[in-house]
Amino acid sequence: MSVLTEYDGQVALVTGGAGGIGEAVATVLAGAGARVVVADLNGAGARATADRIGGLGVELDVREPDSVAAAVAAAAGLGPIRVLVNSAGVVGGAGPLRSLPLAAFTAVWQVNVAGTFLVTQAVANAMIDHGSGGAIVNISSVGALQPTVGLGHYEATKAAVNALTRSAALELAEFGIRVNAIAPGPVDTPFTRQALADPVARAEWLAKIPLARIASPADLVALVLLLASDQARHLTGAVIPVDGGQSLGGAR
């Protein structure tokens, strides 16, 4: 059975689905036959994406337990949740650690780490209650492995996501729930487009990437679909770079 046909009728919840990586994942999951719940803080954007792909759009603030519970209940109303993709995340600007305001660090932590934790916890419990297992895929970053000056606050949260991925994989294995993550390098999304439009910044990023190109969301979705599928049934606790070789550490 191919990855693109085995999602027929399965319920998949994608956070951060109004744009960028989340929107790309939601679109391909829907095309593979999944019943996709698109969740985003931008409720109008979530509903617009859902309308386009034939899914259900819900407003979700991953920082708020009540909002998470409501979104998970809406997804479970379509049937047992079999797939969760934690794509909601923020960068929170840039700045050196010696002068970064605590509020900036906390804001990124609440979304990227606490948000991933809360949604994972709620969906895992729903999966366990139903008893049919499932798959969770987290969107991390190569920055957790290879630091960039000025992004330490963001990269620290992604390192925490990696640790949470491994811990969740260990704890949830007995329930037939697999948890993996992908770690992209720079991806051309609405969140990064302004920075990448700067020729100097773009050149600096490209110099780190052996394959010499900035990824698009489409470069990530095939691996997300594989990790969430039964074809990856013996893979859990992995954090897989999708970075054009950036994590190899050699500059061109």
Foldseek 3Di string as FASTA:
>chain_A
DDLLAPQAAAQEEFEPCLWFLNVVQQQSSLSSHHQYEYEYCPQVSQCVSCVVSVHHTDYADLLDLVRLLVSLVVSCVSPQHAEYEYPWFAQQFFDAPVPDDPVSLVVRLSTLPSSVVSNCVNNLVSLLVVLPEHEYEYEAACCLQPPDGGRPSRSVSSVNVLVVQQVCQVVSVVSQYAGEYEHEYAEDIPNCVVVCVPVVSVVVLLQLAPQRDHHYSVLPNVVSSCRRDCVCSVDHSYYHYPYNCNSVPDTD
